[in-house]
C-alpha atoms as a PDB file:
ATOM      1  CA  UNK A   1      15.416 -14.243  -7.319  1.00  0.00           C
ATOM      2  CA  UNK A   2      12.338 -12.939  -9.477  1.00  0.00           C
ATOM      3  CA  UNK A   3      10.376 -16.001  -8.457  1.00  0.00           C
ATOM      4  CA  UNK A   4      11.385 -15.647  -4.475  1.00  0.00           C
ATOM      5  CA  UNK A   5      10.540 -11.868  -4.090  1.00  0.00           C
ATOM      6  CA  UNK A   6       7.192 -12.555  -6.020  1.00  0.00           C
ATOM      7  CA  UNK A   7       6.278 -14.961  -3.427  1.00  0.00           C
ATOM      8  CA  UNK A   8       7.471 -12.499  -0.815  1.00  0.00           C
ATOM      9  CA  UNK A   9       5.097  -9.600  -2.352  1.00  0.00           C
ATOM     10  CA  UNK A  10       2.392 -12.123  -2.628  1.00  0.00           C
ATOM     11  CA  UNK A  11       2.888 -12.894   1.379  1.00  0.00           C
ATOM     12  CA  UNK A  12       2.893  -8.885   2.368  1.00  0.00           C
ATOM     13  CA  UNK A  13      -0.077  -8.552   0.315  1.00  0.00           C
ATOM     14  CA  UNK A  14      -1.709 -10.738   2.583  1.00  0.00           C
ATOM     15  CA  UNK A  15      -0.876  -8.784   5.596  1.00  0.00           C
ATOM     16  CA  UNK A  16      -1.862  -5.446   3.506  1.00  0.00           C
ATOM     17  CA  UNK A  17       1.509  -4.079   3.067  1.00  0.00           C
ATOM     18  CA  UNK A  18       3.849  -3.795   0.503  1.00  0.00           C
ATOM     19  CA  UNK A  19       7.152  -5.677   0.001  1.00  0.00           C
ATOM     20  CA  UNK A  20      10.155  -4.535   1.893  1.00  0.00           C
ATOM     21  CA  UNK A  21      13.004  -3.252  -0.342  1.00  0.00           C
ATOM     22  CA  UNK A  22      15.892  -5.452  -2.177  1.00  0.00           C
ATOM     23  CA  UNK A  23      18.725  -5.880   0.268  1.00  0.00           C
ATOM     24  CA  UNK A  24      22.199  -5.850  -0.832  1.00  0.00           C
ATOM     25  CA  UNK A  25      22.506  -9.616  -2.191  1.00  0.00           C
ATOM     26  CA  UNK A  26      19.286  -9.002  -3.670  1.00  0.00           C
ATOM     27  CA  UNK A  27      20.204  -6.183  -5.914  1.00  0.00           C
ATOM     28  CA  UNK A  28      23.214  -8.009  -6.907  1.00  0.00           C
ATOM     29  CA  UNK A  29      21.280 -10.520  -8.315  1.00  0.00           C
ATOM     30  CA  UNK A  30      18.875  -8.316  -9.860  1.00  0.00           C
ATOM     31  CA  UNK A  31      21.802  -6.580 -11.502  1.00  0.00           C
ATOM     32  CA  UNK A  32      22.990  -9.894 -13.208  1.00  0.00           C
ATOM     33  CA  UNK A  33      19.615 -10.302 -14.541  1.00  0.00           C
ATOM     34  CA  UNK A  34      19.386  -6.765 -16.043  1.00  0.00           C
ATOM     35  CA  UNK A  35      23.043  -7.521 -17.853  1.00  0.00           C
ATOM     36  CA  UNK A  36      20.525 -10.292 -19.664  1.00  0.00           C
ATOM     37  CA  UNK A  37      17.094 -10.056 -18.826  1.00  0.00           C
ATOM     38  CA  UNK A  38      14.926 -12.723 -19.177  1.00  0.00           C
ATOM     39  CA  UNK A  39      12.523 -12.203 -22.225  1.00  0.00           C
ATOM     40  CA  UNK A  40       9.387 -10.545 -20.778  1.00  0.00           C
ATOM     41  CA  UNK A  41      10.529  -9.527 -17.600  1.00  0.00           C
ATOM     42  CA  UNK A  42      12.729  -6.367 -18.812  1.00  0.00           C
ATOM     43  CA  UNK A  43       9.625  -3.957 -17.501  1.00  0.00           C
ATOM     44  CA  UNK A  44       9.367  -5.632 -14.109  1.00  0.00           C
ATOM     45  CA  UNK A  45      13.478  -5.450 -13.823  1.00  0.00           C
ATOM     46  CA  UNK A  46      13.427  -1.674 -14.327  1.00  0.00           C
ATOM     47  CA  UNK A  47      10.814  -1.325 -11.895  1.00  0.00           C
ATOM     48  CA  UNK A  48      12.600  -3.347  -9.101  1.00  0.00           C
ATOM     49  CA  UNK A  49      15.893  -1.266 -10.010  1.00  0.00           C
ATOM     50  CA  UNK A  50      14.358   2.163  -9.774  1.00  0.00           C
ATOM     51  CA  UNK A  51      11.517   1.843  -7.367  1.00  0.00           C
ATOM     52  CA  UNK A  52      12.262  -1.061  -5.000  1.00  0.00           C
ATOM     53  CA  UNK A  53      16.324  -0.129  -3.805  1.00  0.00           C
ATOM     54  CA  UNK A  54      16.563   1.796  -0.829  1.00  0.00           C
ATOM     55  CA  UNK A  55      18.254   5.266  -1.654  1.00  0.00           C
ATOM     56  CA  UNK A  56      21.302   6.814   0.516  1.00  0.00           C
ATOM     57  CA  UNK A  57      24.151   5.010   1.817  1.00  0.00           C
ATOM     58  CA  UNK A  58      22.110   1.685   2.426  1.00  0.00           C
ATOM     59  CA  UNK A  59      24.321  -1.407   1.431  1.00  0.00           C
ATOM     60  CA  UNK A  60      21.651  -2.113  -1.416  1.00  0.00           C
ATOM     61  CA  UNK A  61      22.105   1.449  -2.511  1.00  0.00           C
ATOM     62  CA  UNK A  62      25.771   0.662  -2.550  1.00  0.00           C
ATOM     63  CA  UNK A  63      25.221  -2.004  -5.367  1.00  0.00           C
ATOM     64  CA  UNK A  64      22.729   0.183  -7.362  1.00  0.00           C
ATOM     65  CA  UNK A  65      24.918   2.951  -7.695  1.00  0.00           C
ATOM     66  CA  UNK A  66      28.277   1.155  -8.339  1.00  0.00           C
ATOM     67  CA  UNK A  67      26.219  -0.729 -11.521  1.00  0.00           C
ATOM     68  CA  UNK A  68      24.831   2.317 -12.948  1.00  0.00           C
ATOM     69  CA  UNK A  69      28.100   4.017 -12.734  1.00  0.00           C
ATOM     70  CA  UNK A  70      29.838   1.318 -14.330  1.00  0.00           C
ATOM     71  CA  UNK A  71      27.291   2.062 -17.303  1.00  0.00           C
ATOM     72  CA  UNK A  72      27.607   5.589 -17.132  1.00  0.00           C
ATOM     73  CA  UNK A  73      31.611   5.307 -17.782  1.00  0.00           C
ATOM     74  CA  UNK A  74      30.708   2.695 -20.714  1.00  0.00           C
ATOM     75  CA  UNK A  75      32.352  -0.266 -18.619  1.00  0.00           C
ATOM     76  CA  UNK A  76      29.240  -2.040 -18.435  1.00  0.00           C
ATOM     77  CA  UNK A  77      26.197  -2.532 -20.926  1.00  0.00           C
ATOM     78  CA  UNK A  78      22.655  -3.772 -20.642  1.00  0.00           C
ATOM     79  CA  UNK A  79      19.696  -3.734 -23.545  1.00  0.00           C
ATOM     80  CA  UNK A  80      17.576  -2.121 -21.011  1.00  0.00           C
ATOM     81  CA  UNK A  81      19.743   1.256 -20.014  1.00  0.00           C
ATOM     82  CA  UNK A  82      21.900   3.622 -21.926  1.00  0.00           C
ATOM     83  CA  UNK A  83      24.195   5.610 -19.956  1.00  0.00           C
ATOM     84  CA  UNK A  84      22.066   8.800 -20.003  1.00  0.00           C
ATOM     85  CA  UNK A  85      19.232   6.913 -18.425  1.00  0.00           C
ATOM     86  CA  UNK A  86      21.773   5.433 -15.990  1.00  0.00           C
ATOM     87  CA  UNK A  87      22.871   8.601 -15.184  1.00  0.00           C
ATOM     88  CA  UNK A  88      19.100   9.629 -14.618  1.00  0.00           C
ATOM     89  CA  UNK A  89      18.558   6.920 -12.114  1.00  0.00           C
ATOM     90  CA  UNK A  90      21.223   8.025 -10.324  1.00  0.00           C
ATOM     91  CA  UNK A  91      20.181  11.488  -9.672  1.00  0.00           C
ATOM     92  CA  UNK A  92      16.996   9.915  -7.929  1.00  0.00           C
ATOM     93  CA  UNK A  93      18.750   8.371  -5.451  1.00  0.00           C
ATOM     94  CA  UNK A  94      19.190  11.615  -3.067  1.00  0.00           C
ATOM     95  CA  UNK A  95      22.731  11.574  -1.881  1.00  0.00           C
ATOM     96  CA  UNK A  96      25.163   9.019  -0.591  1.00  0.00           C
ATOM     97  CA  UNK A  97      26.882   6.672  -2.985  1.00  0.00           C
ATOM     98  CA  UNK A  98      25.462   8.467  -6.130  1.00  0.00           C
ATOM     99  CA  UNK A  99      27.239  11.725  -5.959  1.00  0.00           C
ATOM    100  CA  UNK A 100      30.874  10.480  -7.308  1.00  0.00           C
ATOM    101  CA  UNK A 101      29.590   8.939 -10.370  1.00  0.00           C
ATOM    102  CA  UNK A 102      27.364  11.783 -11.045  1.00  0.00           C
ATOM    103  CA  UNK A 103      30.078  14.411 -10.684  1.00  0.00           C
ATOM    104  CA  UNK A 104      32.361  12.237 -12.940  1.00  0.00           C
ATOM    105  CA  UNK A 105      29.170  12.096 -15.612  1.00  0.00           C
ATOM    106  CA  UNK A 106      29.953  16.026 -15.521  1.00  0.00           C
ATOM    107  CA  UNK A 107      33.049  15.433 -17.637  1.00  0.00           C
ATOM    108  CA  UNK A 108      31.248  13.189 -20.581  1.00  0.00           C
ATOM    109  CA  UNK A 109      29.320  15.584 -23.036  1.00  0.00           C
ATOM    110  CA  UNK A 110      27.064  11.992 -23.653  1.00  0.00           C
ATOM    111  CA  UNK A 111      25.813  12.279 -19.920  1.00  0.00           C
ATOM    112  CA  UNK A 112      26.706  15.971 -18.590  1.00  0.00           C
ATOM    113  CA  UNK A 113      23.366  17.214 -19.014  1.00  0.00           C
ATOM    114  CA  UNK A 114      21.744  14.381 -17.287  1.00  0.00           C
ATOM    115  CA  UNK A 115      24.317  14.906 -14.415  1.00  0.00           C
ATOM    116  CA  UNK A 116      23.588  18.650 -14.104  1.00  0.00           C
ATOM    117  CA  UNK A 117      19.784  18.318 -13.987  1.00  0.00           C
ATOM    118  CA  UNK A 118      20.448  15.366 -11.150  1.00  0.00           C
ATOM    119  CA  UNK A 119      22.764  17.514  -9.270  1.00  0.00           C
ATOM    120  CA  UNK A 120      20.587  20.499  -9.378  1.00  0.00           C
ATOM    121  CA  UNK A 121      18.112  18.933  -7.249  1.00  0.00           C
ATOM    122  CA  UNK A 122      20.507  16.936  -5.552  1.00  0.00           C
ATOM    123  CA  UNK A 123      21.383  18.428  -1.871  1.00  0.00           C
ATOM    124  CA  UNK A 124      22.660  15.721   0.298  1.00  0.00           C
ATOM    125  CA  UNK A 125      26.396  16.184  -1.673  1.00  0.00           C
ATOM    126  CA  UNK A 126      28.210  17.108   1.560  1.00  0.00           C
ATOM    127  CA  UNK A 127      32.387  17.399   1.035  1.00  0.00           C
ATOM    128  CA  UNK A 128      31.746  16.154  -3.142  1.00  0.00           C
ATOM    129  CA  UNK A 129      30.710  20.237  -2.876  1.00  0.00           C
ATOM    130  CA  UNK A 130      34.119  20.975  -3.239  1.00  0.00           C
ATOM    131  CA  UNK A 131      34.708  18.787  -5.974  1.00  0.00           C
ATOM    132  CA  UNK A 132      32.225  20.644  -8.307  1.00  0.00           C
ATOM    133  CA  UNK A 133      33.716  24.202  -7.205  1.00  0.00           C
ATOM    134  CA  UNK A 134      36.974  22.387  -8.509  1.00  0.00           C
ATOM    135  CA  UNK A 135      35.843  21.225 -11.913  1.00  0.00           C
ATOM    136  CA  UNK A 136      34.498  24.493 -12.187  1.00  0.00           C
ATOM    137  CA  UNK A 137      37.433  26.395 -11.682  1.00  0.00           C
ATOM    138  CA  UNK A 138      38.777  24.158 -14.268  1.00  0.00           C
ATOM    139  CA  UNK A 139      36.594  25.381 -16.707  1.00  0.00           C
ATOM    140  CA  UNK A 140      33.837  22.778 -16.799  1.00  0.00           C
ATOM    141  CA  UNK A 141      30.675  24.685 -17.481  1.00  0.00           C
ATOM    142  CA  UNK A 142      28.358  22.093 -16.713  1.00  0.00           C
ATOM    143  CA  UNK A 143      30.182  22.110 -12.997  1.00  0.00           C
ATOM    144  CA  UNK A 144      29.524  25.899 -13.016  1.00  0.00           C
ATOM    145  CA  UNK A 145      25.607  25.307 -14.344  1.00  0.00           C
ATOM    146  CA  UNK A 146      25.439  23.235 -11.186  1.00  0.00           C
ATOM    147  CA  UNK A 147      26.943  25.365  -9.086  1.00  0.00           C
ATOM    148  CA  UNK A 148      24.598  28.463 -10.274  1.00  0.00           C
ATOM    149  CA  UNK A 149      21.103  26.455  -9.716  1.00  0.00           C
ATOM    150  CA  UNK A 150      22.413  25.502  -6.294  1.00  0.00           C
ATOM    151  CA  UNK A 151      22.909  29.447  -5.428  1.00  0.00           C
ATOM    152  CA  UNK A 152      19.587  30.026  -7.009  1.00  0.00           C
ATOM    153  CA  UNK A 153      17.731  27.500  -4.977  1.00  0.00           C
ATOM    154  CA  UNK A 154      16.323  25.821  -8.301  1.00  0.00           C
ATOM    155  CA  UNK A 155      15.931  22.518  -6.163  1.00  0.00           C
ATOM    156  CA  UNK A 156      13.088  24.638  -4.266  1.00  0.00           C
ATOM    157  CA  UNK A 157      11.864  27.240  -6.485  1.00  0.00           C
ATOM    158  CA  UNK A 158      10.920  24.567  -9.014  1.00  0.00           C
ATOM    159  CA  UNK A 159       8.471  23.002  -6.689  1.00  0.00           C
ATOM    160  CA  UNK A 160       5.121  23.315  -7.255  1.00  0.00           C
ATOM    161  CA  UNK A 161       3.968  26.577  -5.098  1.00  0.00           C
ATOM    162  CA  UNK A 162       2.177  26.152  -2.155  1.00  0.00           C
ATOM    163  CA  UNK A 163      -1.903  26.193  -3.084  1.00  0.00           C
ATOM    164  CA  UNK A 164      -3.492  29.173  -1.688  1.00  0.00           C
ATOM    165  CA  UNK A 165      -6.158  26.894  -0.137  1.00  0.00           C
ATOM    166  CA  UNK A 166      -5.925  23.091   0.948  1.00  0.00           C
ATOM    167  CA  UNK A 167      -8.915  21.228   1.160  1.00  0.00           C
ATOM    168  CA  UNK A 168      -8.565  18.359   3.562  1.00  0.00           C
ATOM    169  CA  UNK A 169     -10.736  15.260   5.427  1.00  0.00           C
ATOM    170  CA  UNK A 170     -10.255  15.476   9.263  1.00  0.00           C
ATOM    171  CA  UNK A 171      -9.790  12.365  10.897  1.00  0.00           C
ATOM    172  CA  UNK A 172     -11.084  13.358  14.405  1.00  0.00           C
ATOM    173  CA  UNK A 173      -9.640  11.634  17.778  1.00  0.00           C
ATOM    174  CA  UNK A 174     -11.407  13.034  20.994  1.00  0.00           C
ATOM    175  CA  UNK A 175      -8.877  13.858  24.084  1.00  0.00           C
ATOM    176  CA  UNK A 176      -5.281  12.898  24.118  1.00  0.00           C
ATOM    177  CA  UNK A 177      -3.409  11.061  21.581  1.00  0.00           C
ATOM    178  CA  UNK A 178      -0.223   9.445  23.043  1.00  0.00           C
ATOM    179  CA  UNK A 179       2.795   7.985  21.105  1.00  0.00           C
ATOM    180  CA  UNK A 180       1.449   4.517  22.263  1.00  0.00           C
ATOM    181  CA  UNK A 181      -1.901   5.201  20.475  1.00  0.00           C
ATOM    182  CA  UNK A 182      -0.154   5.163  17.337  1.00  0.00           C
ATOM    183  CA  UNK A 183       3.006   2.984  18.199  1.00  0.00           C
ATOM    184  CA  UNK A 184       1.608   0.261  20.549  1.00  0.00           C
ATOM    185  CA  UNK A 185       4.076  -1.013  22.869  1.00  0.00           C
ATOM    186  CA  UNK A 186       2.991  -4.532  22.770  1.00  0.00           C
ATOM    187  CA  UNK A 187       4.173  -4.013  18.890  1.00  0.00           C
ATOM    188  CA  UNK A 188       7.285  -2.565  19.331  1.00  0.00           C
ATOM    189  CA  UNK A 189       8.708  -5.814  17.685  1.00  0.00           C
ATOM    190  CA  UNK A 190       7.618  -4.384  14.604  1.00  0.00           C
ATOM    191  CA  UNK A 191       8.602  -1.090  14.820  1.00  0.00           C
ATOM    192  CA  UNK A 192      11.462  -1.708  12.168  1.00  0.00           C
ATOM    193  CA  UNK A 193       8.858  -2.607   9.527  1.00  0.00           C
ATOM    194  CA  UNK A 194       7.137   0.520   9.344  1.00  0.00           C
ATOM    195  CA  UNK A 195       4.271  -0.426   7.083  1.00  0.00           C
ATOM    196  CA  UNK A 196       3.483  -3.598   9.106  1.00  0.00           C
ATOM    197  CA  UNK A 197       3.664  -1.545  12.521  1.00  0.00           C
ATOM    198  CA  UNK A 198       1.705   1.259  10.933  1.00  0.00           C
ATOM    199  CA  UNK A 199      -1.342  -1.332  11.036  1.00  0.00           C
ATOM    200  CA  UNK A 200      -1.221  -1.513  14.882  1.00  0.00           C
ATOM    201  CA  UNK A 201      -1.973   2.442  14.751  1.00  0.00           C
ATOM    202  CA  UNK A 202      -4.677   2.679  17.144  1.00  0.00           C
ATOM    203  CA  UNK A 203      -5.384  -0.931  17.646  1.00  0.00           C
ATOM    204  CA  UNK A 204      -6.135  -0.203  21.414  1.00  0.00           C
ATOM    205  CA  UNK A 205     -10.067   0.947  22.189  1.00  0.00           C
ATOM    206  CA  UNK A 206     -10.329   4.313  23.169  1.00  0.00           C
ATOM    207  CA  UNK A 207     -13.599   6.512  24.391  1.00  0.00           C
ATOM    208  CA  UNK A 208     -14.955   8.164  20.889  1.00  0.00           C
ATOM    209  CA  UNK A 209     -12.836   6.398  18.492  1.00  0.00           C
ATOM    210  CA  UNK A 210     -14.503   4.132  15.697  1.00  0.00           C
ATOM    211  CA  UNK A 211     -13.922   0.305  16.182  1.00  0.00           C
ATOM    212  CA  UNK A 212     -12.121   0.162  12.957  1.00  0.00           C
ATOM    213  CA  UNK A 213     -10.141   3.238  13.053  1.00  0.00           C
ATOM    214  CA  UNK A 214      -7.680   2.227   9.899  1.00  0.00           C
ATOM    215  CA  UNK A 215     -10.678   1.435   7.707  1.00  0.00           C
ATOM    216  CA  UNK A 216     -12.231   4.931   8.404  1.00  0.00           C
ATOM    217  CA  UNK A 217      -9.039   6.639   7.369  1.00  0.00           C
ATOM    218  CA  UNK A 218      -9.143   4.711   4.332  1.00  0.00           C
ATOM    219  CA  UNK A 219     -12.716   5.664   3.733  1.00  0.00           C
ATOM    220  CA  UNK A 220     -11.574   9.602   4.223  1.00  0.00           C
ATOM    221  CA  UNK A 221      -8.651   8.986   1.907  1.00  0.00           C
ATOM    222  CA  UNK A 222     -11.028   7.839  -1.043  1.00  0.00           C
ATOM    223  CA  UNK A 223     -12.809  11.174  -1.054  1.00  0.00           C
ATOM    224  CA  UNK A 224     -10.083  12.589  -2.640  1.00  0.00           C
ATOM    225  CA  UNK A 225      -8.623  15.230  -0.325  1.00  0.00           C
ATOM    226  CA  UNK A 226      -5.541  14.827   2.034  1.00  0.00           C
ATOM    227  CA  UNK A 227      -6.365  13.369   5.271  1.00  0.00           C
ATOM    228  CA  UNK A 228      -5.632  15.596   8.991  1.00  0.00           C
ATOM    229  CA  UNK A 229      -5.173  13.685  12.016  1.00  0.00           C
ATOM    230  CA  UNK A 230      -6.778  15.992  14.631  1.00  0.00           C
ATOM    231  CA  UNK A 231      -7.203  15.531  18.440  1.00  0.00           C
ATOM    232  CA  UNK A 232      -7.050  17.855  21.364  1.00  0.00           C
ATOM    233  CA  UNK A 233      -3.362  16.741  22.319  1.00  0.00           C
ATOM    234  CA  UNK A 234      -1.375  14.794  19.684  1.00  0.00           C
ATOM    235  CA  UNK A 235       2.260  13.364  20.712  1.00  0.00           C
ATOM    236  CA  UNK A 236       2.960  13.201  24.264  1.00  0.00           C
ATOM    237  CA  UNK A 237       5.044   9.908  25.130  1.00  0.00           C
ATOM    238  CA  UNK A 238       8.419   8.494  24.555  1.00  0.00           C
ATOM    239  CA  UNK A 239       8.141   6.691  20.967  1.00  0.00           C
ATOM    240  CA  UNK A 240       7.860   9.787  18.520  1.00  0.00           C
ATOM    241  CA  UNK A 241       9.739   8.480  15.599  1.00  0.00           C
ATOM    242  CA  UNK A 242       7.562   5.520  15.314  1.00  0.00           C
ATOM    243  CA  UNK A 243       4.351   7.105  16.102  1.00  0.00           C
ATOM    244  CA  UNK A 244       5.015   9.839  13.308  1.00  0.00           C
ATOM    245  CA  UNK A 245       6.359   6.755  10.949  1.00  0.00           C
ATOM    246  CA  UNK A 246       2.396   5.218  11.177  1.00  0.00           C
ATOM    247  CA  UNK A 247       0.550   8.555  10.741  1.00  0.00           C
ATOM    248  CA  UNK A 248       3.005   9.666   7.713  1.00  0.00           C
ATOM    249  CA  UNK A 249       2.452   5.820   6.249  1.00  0.00           C
ATOM    250  CA  UNK A 250      -1.438   6.122   6.424  1.00  0.00           C
ATOM    251  CA  UNK A 251      -1.777   9.895   5.671  1.00  0.00           C
ATOM    252  CA  UNK A 252       1.173  10.578   3.722  1.00  0.00           C
ATOM    253  CA  UNK A 253       2.353  10.991   0.114  1.00  0.00           C
ATOM    254  CA  UNK A 254       4.678   8.645  -1.758  1.00  0.00           C
ATOM    255  CA  UNK A 255       7.921   9.867  -2.689  1.00  0.00           C
ATOM    256  CA  UNK A 256       9.027   8.567  -6.091  1.00  0.00           C
ATOM    257  CA  UNK A 257      11.718   6.137  -6.589  1.00  0.00           C
ATOM    258  CA  UNK A 258      12.206   5.752  -2.697  1.00  0.00           C
ATOM    259  CA  UNK A 259      10.670   2.479  -1.274  1.00  0.00           C
ATOM    260  CA  UNK A 260       9.878   2.752   2.436  1.00  0.00           C
ATOM    261  CA  UNK A 261      13.066   2.487   4.542  1.00  0.00           C
ATOM    262  CA  UNK A 262      13.404   0.514   7.635  1.00  0.00           C
ATOM    263  CA  UNK A 263      13.078   2.379  10.424  1.00  0.00           C
ATOM    264  CA  UNK A 264      16.275   1.760  13.149  1.00  0.00           C
ATOM    265  CA  UNK A 265      14.977   2.278  16.743  1.00  0.00           C
ATOM    266  CA  UNK A 266      18.200   3.400  18.060  1.00  0.00           C
ATOM    267  CA  UNK A 267      22.204   3.100  17.179  1.00  0.00           C
ATOM    268  CA  UNK A 268      24.282   0.476  19.006  1.00  0.00           C
ATOM    269  CA  UNK A 269      27.647   1.502  20.770  1.00  0.00           C
ATOM    270  CA  UNK A 270      26.539   5.231  20.470  1.00  0.00           C
ATOM    271  CA  UNK A 271      25.909   6.766  24.054  1.00  0.00           C
ATOM    272  CA  UNK A 272      23.507   9.278  24.727  1.00  0.00           C
ATOM    273  CA  UNK A 273      24.819  12.703  24.024  1.00  0.00           C
ATOM    274  CA  UNK A 274      23.955  15.241  26.648  1.00  0.00           C
ATOM    275  CA  UNK A 275      22.000  18.616  24.707  1.00  0.00           C
ATOM    276  CA  UNK A 276      24.301  21.834  25.197  1.00  0.00           C
ATOM    277  CA  UNK A 277      22.356  25.158  25.246  1.00  0.00           C
END
């Protein structure tokens, strides 16, 4: 698995893009390696687990969350992770399959503090909110801490304050930028692969635009300031999601623990739902 993924990394690097996240089978293979890690690969295995598996309700996230949950309950072991670290990594998965084991960890004094810290900054809990309330009402002080943290919006107030002044480098594109400029129709086949598709942004020549726009963006980023895309009109057209993905890929910030998530252009079998004012 490691050799194949390293080959994949090299192949993607030749295209100037990062590797795709691990899929469910690759994650399952990774779990087995982490249980009995090959000598010299320990740090790399943990990097793959923490940084290269999608979060949320992806099938690979299900495998990852299940493994970490088993460690947190003492049902699985690895020399690379203890119960507390397993809970901390569960807390980086945003929501979905990680929620149930995080709530269960509130009952274990060894993992409760880590679970409180994780849940306090996790919002995508949906109906599991009631499970935390139930534990709190039953006398679980750790669940009570989570509820109080949510009530005080510590997930928000703990974030860095917005700067009084933000200096940006402007990438100016004259005239109107439509979504076909940012997400060219002839490259629609690559839209599910966000970084690969982003390489096609502004590929079509237009008046007033540098011949190598992506290289110019990289040059502006090297100055150390955020880059702002500026045009007379920006965003007309129908491919707004993939267009936004491309702009964010080149000008946005990385999210810790979250690899890029492939864009799904439509949901099969779901009909258009009319807007009801």
